[in-house]
Amino acid sequence: MSAETTPAADARTERRAKRIAKNLTGFAAQHGGSADAVVEYVGAVATRIVVVGADGAWGDQVAPSYAVGRRAAELAGLTLHDNFEGELALKVKTGPYEWKRMAGIQLGG
């Protein structure tokens, strides 16, 4: 039995997932009552949960592992997608802040 499959590790994963799920549930409630999500690897020690609310608002939450991130999204009742493209990408509404940041990055700002 590996360290990641022990009862203690499973309990720790569940506690972390529940804590993150509260944030995800709150986001969904504030942005139309539901949300879609993609769970993405960031690196060896982090996973990013990109969340898009029913109203098009978006945000993200970092989890310590893919297992925690995926479980948190499931507990929050989010609709999970395999990737961030197609219909999910079209739902995202960007505002002046995002456009300024994107233009600044491309222009060296």
N, C-alpha and C. Protein backbone atom coordinates (compact mmCIF):
# COMPACT_ATOMS: atom_id res chain seq x y z
N MET A 1 0.85 -1.19 0.00
CA MET A 1 0.00 0.00 0.00
C MET A 1 0.89 1.24 0.00
N SER A 2 0.69 2.13 -0.93
CA SER A 2 1.50 3.34 -1.00
C SER A 2 1.00 4.37 0.00
N ALA A 3 1.83 5.37 0.25
CA ALA A 3 1.47 6.43 1.21
C ALA A 3 0.24 7.19 0.75
N GLU A 4 0.01 7.26 -0.56
CA GLU A 4 -1.12 8.04 -1.08
C GLU A 4 -2.45 7.29 -0.96
N THR A 5 -2.42 6.00 -0.68
CA THR A 5 -3.67 5.26 -0.60
C THR A 5 -4.00 4.79 0.82
N THR A 6 -3.31 5.32 1.80
CA THR A 6 -3.61 4.96 3.18
C THR A 6 -4.90 5.64 3.62
N PRO A 7 -5.56 5.09 4.60
CA PRO A 7 -6.77 5.76 5.12
C PRO A 7 -6.50 7.19 5.58
N ALA A 8 -5.35 7.43 6.17
CA ALA A 8 -5.03 8.79 6.62
C ALA A 8 -4.89 9.74 5.44
N ALA A 9 -4.25 9.28 4.36
CA ALA A 9 -4.09 10.13 3.17
C ALA A 9 -5.45 10.39 2.53
N ASP A 10 -6.30 9.36 2.48
CA ASP A 10 -7.64 9.53 1.93
C ASP A 10 -8.45 10.54 2.75
N ALA A 11 -8.34 10.46 4.06
CA ALA A 11 -9.06 11.40 4.94
C ALA A 11 -8.54 12.82 4.75
N ARG A 12 -7.23 12.96 4.61
CA ARG A 12 -6.63 14.28 4.40
C ARG A 12 -7.08 14.87 3.06
N THR A 13 -7.11 14.04 2.02
CA THR A 13 -7.60 14.48 0.71
C THR A 13 -9.04 14.96 0.82
N GLU A 14 -9.87 14.21 1.50
CA GLU A 14 -11.28 14.57 1.64
C GLU A 14 -11.45 15.88 2.41
N ARG A 15 -10.69 16.07 3.49
CA ARG A 15 -10.78 17.33 4.25
C ARG A 15 -10.36 18.53 3.39
N ARG A 16 -9.26 18.38 2.69
CA ARG A 16 -8.80 19.47 1.82
C ARG A 16 -9.81 19.76 0.73
N ALA A 17 -10.36 18.70 0.14
CA ALA A 17 -11.35 18.87 -0.93
C ALA A 17 -12.60 19.57 -0.41
N LYS A 18 -13.06 19.22 0.76
CA LYS A 18 -14.26 19.85 1.33
C LYS A 18 -14.03 21.34 1.57
N ARG A 19 -12.84 21.68 2.05
CA ARG A 19 -12.51 23.09 2.30
C ARG A 19 -12.52 23.90 0.99
N ILE A 20 -11.92 23.36 -0.05
CA ILE A 20 -11.89 24.03 -1.34
C ILE A 20 -13.28 24.06 -1.96
N ALA A 21 -14.05 22.99 -1.78
CA ALA A 21 -15.41 22.91 -2.34
C ALA A 21 -16.29 24.03 -1.81
N LYS A 22 -16.09 24.44 -0.57
CA LYS A 22 -16.87 25.55 -0.02
C LYS A 22 -16.65 26.82 -0.84
N ASN A 23 -15.41 27.08 -1.20
CA ASN A 23 -15.10 28.26 -2.03
C ASN A 23 -15.75 28.14 -3.40
N LEU A 24 -15.66 26.96 -3.99
CA LEU A 24 -16.23 26.74 -5.32
C LEU A 24 -17.75 26.86 -5.30
N THR A 25 -18.37 26.32 -4.27
CA THR A 25 -19.83 26.41 -4.13
C THR A 25 -20.26 27.86 -3.97
N GLY A 26 -19.51 28.62 -3.17
CA GLY A 26 -19.80 30.04 -2.98
C GLY A 26 -19.69 30.82 -4.28
N PHE A 27 -18.66 30.52 -5.06
CA PHE A 27 -18.49 31.19 -6.36
C PHE A 27 -19.68 30.89 -7.26
N ALA A 28 -20.06 29.63 -7.35
CA ALA A 28 -21.18 29.24 -8.20
C ALA A 28 -22.47 29.93 -7.76
N ALA A 29 -22.69 30.00 -6.46
CA ALA A 29 -23.90 30.65 -5.93
C ALA A 29 -23.95 32.13 -6.29
N GLN A 30 -22.79 32.79 -6.26
CA GLN A 30 -22.73 34.22 -6.57
C GLN A 30 -22.81 34.51 -8.06
N HIS A 31 -22.60 33.50 -8.89
CA HIS A 31 -22.53 33.73 -10.33
C HIS A 31 -23.51 32.86 -11.11
N GLY A 32 -24.74 32.89 -10.68
CA GLY A 32 -25.79 32.24 -11.45
C GLY A 32 -26.27 30.90 -10.92
N GLY A 33 -25.69 30.43 -9.83
CA GLY A 33 -26.17 29.21 -9.18
C GLY A 33 -25.53 27.92 -9.65
N SER A 34 -24.76 27.97 -10.72
CA SER A 34 -24.05 26.77 -11.17
C SER A 34 -22.74 27.20 -11.81
N ALA A 35 -21.89 26.22 -12.05
CA ALA A 35 -20.60 26.54 -12.67
C ALA A 35 -20.03 25.31 -13.36
N ASP A 36 -19.17 25.58 -14.31
CA ASP A 36 -18.41 24.56 -15.01
C ASP A 36 -16.96 24.68 -14.57
N ALA A 37 -16.21 23.60 -14.70
CA ALA A 37 -14.81 23.64 -14.27
C ALA A 37 -13.94 22.73 -15.09
N VAL A 38 -12.66 23.08 -15.10
CA VAL A 38 -11.60 22.25 -15.66
C VAL A 38 -10.54 22.13 -14.59
N VAL A 39 -10.10 20.93 -14.32
CA VAL A 39 -9.02 20.70 -13.36
C VAL A 39 -7.76 20.43 -14.17
N GLU A 40 -6.74 21.28 -13.94
CA GLU A 40 -5.52 21.21 -14.75
C GLU A 40 -4.29 21.08 -13.85
N TYR A 41 -3.34 20.28 -14.30
CA TYR A 41 -2.06 20.21 -13.59
C TYR A 41 -1.32 21.52 -13.79
N VAL A 42 -0.74 22.04 -12.72
CA VAL A 42 0.11 23.23 -12.80
C VAL A 42 1.56 22.80 -12.71
N GLY A 43 1.81 21.81 -11.93
CA GLY A 43 3.16 21.29 -11.74
C GLY A 43 3.09 20.08 -10.84
N ALA A 44 4.21 19.71 -10.31
CA ALA A 44 4.27 18.51 -9.48
C ALA A 44 3.53 18.66 -8.15
N VAL A 45 3.37 19.89 -7.69
CA VAL A 45 2.78 20.09 -6.36
C VAL A 45 1.54 20.97 -6.35
N ALA A 46 0.93 21.18 -7.51
CA ALA A 46 -0.27 22.03 -7.53
C ALA A 46 -1.16 21.70 -8.72
N THR A 47 -2.43 21.95 -8.52
CA THR A 47 -3.44 21.79 -9.56
C THR A 47 -4.32 23.02 -9.54
N ARG A 48 -4.73 23.45 -10.71
CA ARG A 48 -5.58 24.64 -10.84
C ARG A 48 -6.98 24.21 -11.25
N ILE A 49 -7.97 24.73 -10.55
CA ILE A 49 -9.36 24.50 -10.91
C ILE A 49 -9.86 25.81 -11.51
N VAL A 50 -10.11 25.81 -12.81
CA VAL A 50 -10.64 26.99 -13.49
C VAL A 50 -12.15 26.85 -13.48
N VAL A 51 -12.84 27.86 -12.96
CA VAL A 51 -14.29 27.80 -12.77
C VAL A 51 -14.95 28.91 -13.58
N VAL A 52 -16.03 28.55 -14.29
CA VAL A 52 -16.80 29.52 -15.06
C VAL A 52 -18.24 29.46 -14.57
N GLY A 53 -18.72 30.58 -14.00
CA GLY A 53 -20.07 30.63 -13.49
C GLY A 53 -21.10 30.70 -14.62
N ALA A 54 -22.34 30.45 -14.27
CA ALA A 54 -23.43 30.50 -15.24
C ALA A 54 -23.54 31.87 -15.90
N ASP A 55 -23.10 32.92 -15.20
CA ASP A 55 -23.17 34.28 -15.75
C ASP A 55 -21.93 34.66 -16.57
N GLY A 56 -20.99 33.74 -16.73
CA GLY A 56 -19.79 34.01 -17.51
C GLY A 56 -18.60 34.48 -16.71
N ALA A 57 -18.81 34.81 -15.43
CA ALA A 57 -17.69 35.20 -14.58
C ALA A 57 -16.78 33.98 -14.39
N TRP A 58 -15.49 34.24 -14.24
CA TRP A 58 -14.59 33.11 -14.07
C TRP A 58 -13.57 33.41 -12.99
N GLY A 59 -12.98 32.36 -12.50
CA GLY A 59 -11.96 32.48 -11.48
C GLY A 59 -11.22 31.16 -11.40
N ASP A 60 -10.31 31.09 -10.47
CA ASP A 60 -9.61 29.83 -10.29
C ASP A 60 -9.29 29.61 -8.82
N GLN A 61 -8.98 28.38 -8.53
CA GLN A 61 -8.64 27.95 -7.18
C GLN A 61 -7.50 26.96 -7.32
N VAL A 62 -6.51 27.06 -6.49
CA VAL A 62 -5.39 26.13 -6.54
C VAL A 62 -5.58 25.07 -5.47
N ALA A 63 -5.32 23.83 -5.86
CA ALA A 63 -5.40 22.69 -4.95
C ALA A 63 -4.01 22.04 -4.87
N PRO A 64 -3.73 21.35 -3.78
CA PRO A 64 -2.39 20.76 -3.63
C PRO A 64 -2.14 19.53 -4.51
N SER A 65 -3.19 18.95 -5.07
CA SER A 65 -3.01 17.79 -5.95
C SER A 65 -4.21 17.67 -6.89
N TYR A 66 -4.03 16.88 -7.94
CA TYR A 66 -5.11 16.66 -8.88
C TYR A 66 -6.28 15.96 -8.19
N ALA A 67 -5.98 15.00 -7.35
CA ALA A 67 -7.04 14.26 -6.64
C ALA A 67 -7.88 15.20 -5.78
N VAL A 68 -7.23 16.11 -5.07
CA VAL A 68 -7.95 17.07 -4.22
C VAL A 68 -8.78 18.01 -5.10
N GLY A 69 -8.20 18.51 -6.17
CA GLY A 69 -8.91 19.43 -7.06
C GLY A 69 -10.13 18.80 -7.69
N ARG A 70 -9.97 17.61 -8.19
CA ARG A 70 -11.10 16.91 -8.84
C ARG A 70 -12.19 16.60 -7.81
N ARG A 71 -11.79 16.13 -6.65
CA ARG A 71 -12.77 15.81 -5.61
C ARG A 71 -13.51 17.06 -5.16
N ALA A 72 -12.80 18.18 -5.02
CA ALA A 72 -13.43 19.44 -4.61
C ALA A 72 -14.48 19.87 -5.64
N ALA A 73 -14.15 19.77 -6.91
CA ALA A 73 -15.09 20.14 -7.97
C ALA A 73 -16.32 19.24 -7.93
N GLU A 74 -16.11 17.95 -7.68
CA GLU A 74 -17.23 17.02 -7.58
C GLU A 74 -18.11 17.35 -6.38
N LEU A 75 -17.49 17.60 -5.23
CA LEU A 75 -18.26 17.94 -4.02
C LEU A 75 -19.06 19.22 -4.20
N ALA A 76 -18.52 20.16 -4.97
CA ALA A 76 -19.20 21.44 -5.20
C ALA A 76 -20.30 21.32 -6.25
N GLY A 77 -20.39 20.17 -6.90
CA GLY A 77 -21.43 19.96 -7.89
C GLY A 77 -21.17 20.67 -9.22
N LEU A 78 -19.91 20.94 -9.51
CA LEU A 78 -19.56 21.61 -10.76
C LEU A 78 -19.61 20.63 -11.92
N THR A 79 -19.92 21.13 -13.09
CA THR A 79 -19.87 20.31 -14.30
C THR A 79 -18.42 20.29 -14.76
N LEU A 80 -17.82 19.13 -14.78
CA LEU A 80 -16.41 19.01 -15.13
C LEU A 80 -16.22 18.80 -16.63
N HIS A 81 -15.21 19.47 -17.16
CA HIS A 81 -14.84 19.34 -18.57
C HIS A 81 -13.40 18.83 -18.65
N ASP A 82 -13.07 18.16 -19.74
CA ASP A 82 -11.72 17.64 -19.92
C ASP A 82 -10.72 18.73 -20.29
N ASN A 83 -11.19 19.78 -20.96
CA ASN A 83 -10.29 20.85 -21.36
C ASN A 83 -11.06 22.17 -21.45
N PHE A 84 -10.29 23.22 -21.57
CA PHE A 84 -10.87 24.57 -21.57
C PHE A 84 -10.95 25.08 -23.01
N GLU A 85 -11.93 24.58 -23.74
CA GLU A 85 -12.11 25.03 -25.11
C GLU A 85 -13.57 24.83 -25.50
N GLY A 86 -13.91 25.21 -26.72
CA GLY A 86 -15.27 25.03 -27.22
C GLY A 86 -16.29 25.83 -26.44
N GLU A 87 -17.40 25.18 -26.11
CA GLU A 87 -18.52 25.86 -25.45
C GLU A 87 -18.12 26.48 -24.12
N LEU A 88 -17.27 25.80 -23.37
CA LEU A 88 -16.85 26.35 -22.07
C LEU A 88 -16.10 27.67 -22.26
N ALA A 89 -15.18 27.71 -23.19
CA ALA A 89 -14.41 28.93 -23.45
C ALA A 89 -15.32 30.06 -23.92
N LEU A 90 -16.34 29.73 -24.67
CA LEU A 90 -17.26 30.75 -25.17
C LEU A 90 -18.12 31.36 -24.06
N LYS A 91 -18.29 30.66 -22.95
CA LYS A 91 -19.09 31.17 -21.84
C LYS A 91 -18.39 32.30 -21.07
N VAL A 92 -17.07 32.34 -21.13
CA VAL A 92 -16.29 33.29 -20.34
C VAL A 92 -16.52 34.72 -20.81
N LYS A 93 -16.83 35.58 -19.86
CA LYS A 93 -16.97 37.00 -20.15
C LYS A 93 -15.75 37.71 -19.58
N THR A 94 -15.07 38.45 -20.42
CA THR A 94 -13.91 39.20 -19.96
C THR A 94 -14.25 40.68 -19.91
N GLY A 95 -13.65 41.35 -18.98
CA GLY A 95 -13.89 42.78 -18.80
C GLY A 95 -12.68 43.60 -19.16
N PRO A 96 -12.74 44.88 -18.91
CA PRO A 96 -11.63 45.78 -19.24
C PRO A 96 -10.31 45.38 -18.58
N TYR A 97 -10.39 44.89 -17.35
CA TYR A 97 -9.16 44.49 -16.66
C TYR A 97 -8.43 43.40 -17.44
N GLU A 98 -9.17 42.35 -17.84
CA GLU A 98 -8.54 41.25 -18.56
C GLU A 98 -7.97 41.71 -19.90
N TRP A 99 -8.74 42.54 -20.62
CA TRP A 99 -8.26 43.01 -21.92
C TRP A 99 -7.00 43.87 -21.76
N LYS A 100 -6.97 44.68 -20.73
CA LYS A 100 -5.78 45.51 -20.49
C LYS A 100 -4.58 44.63 -20.17
N ARG A 101 -4.79 43.62 -19.31
CA ARG A 101 -3.70 42.72 -18.95
C ARG A 101 -3.20 41.95 -20.18
N MET A 102 -4.13 41.44 -20.99
CA MET A 102 -3.72 40.68 -22.17
C MET A 102 -2.95 41.57 -23.15
N ALA A 103 -3.42 42.78 -23.37
CA ALA A 103 -2.74 43.70 -24.28
C ALA A 103 -1.38 44.08 -23.71
N GLY A 104 -1.32 44.30 -22.43
CA GLY A 104 -0.05 44.66 -21.80
C GLY A 104 0.99 43.57 -21.91
N ILE A 105 0.55 42.33 -21.78
CA ILE A 105 1.49 41.21 -21.89
C ILE A 105 2.01 41.12 -23.32
N GLN A 106 1.13 41.25 -24.29
CA GLN A 106 1.56 41.14 -25.68
C GLN A 106 2.43 42.32 -26.10
N LEU A 107 2.19 43.46 -25.51
CA LEU A 107 2.94 44.65 -25.89
C LEU A 107 4.16 44.87 -25.01
N GLY A 108 4.42 43.93 -24.13
CA GLY A 108 5.60 44.03 -23.28
C GLY A 108 5.35 44.79 -22.00
N GLY A 109 4.07 45.07 -21.67
CA GLY A 109 3.74 45.84 -20.47
C GLY A 109 3.53 44.98 -19.33
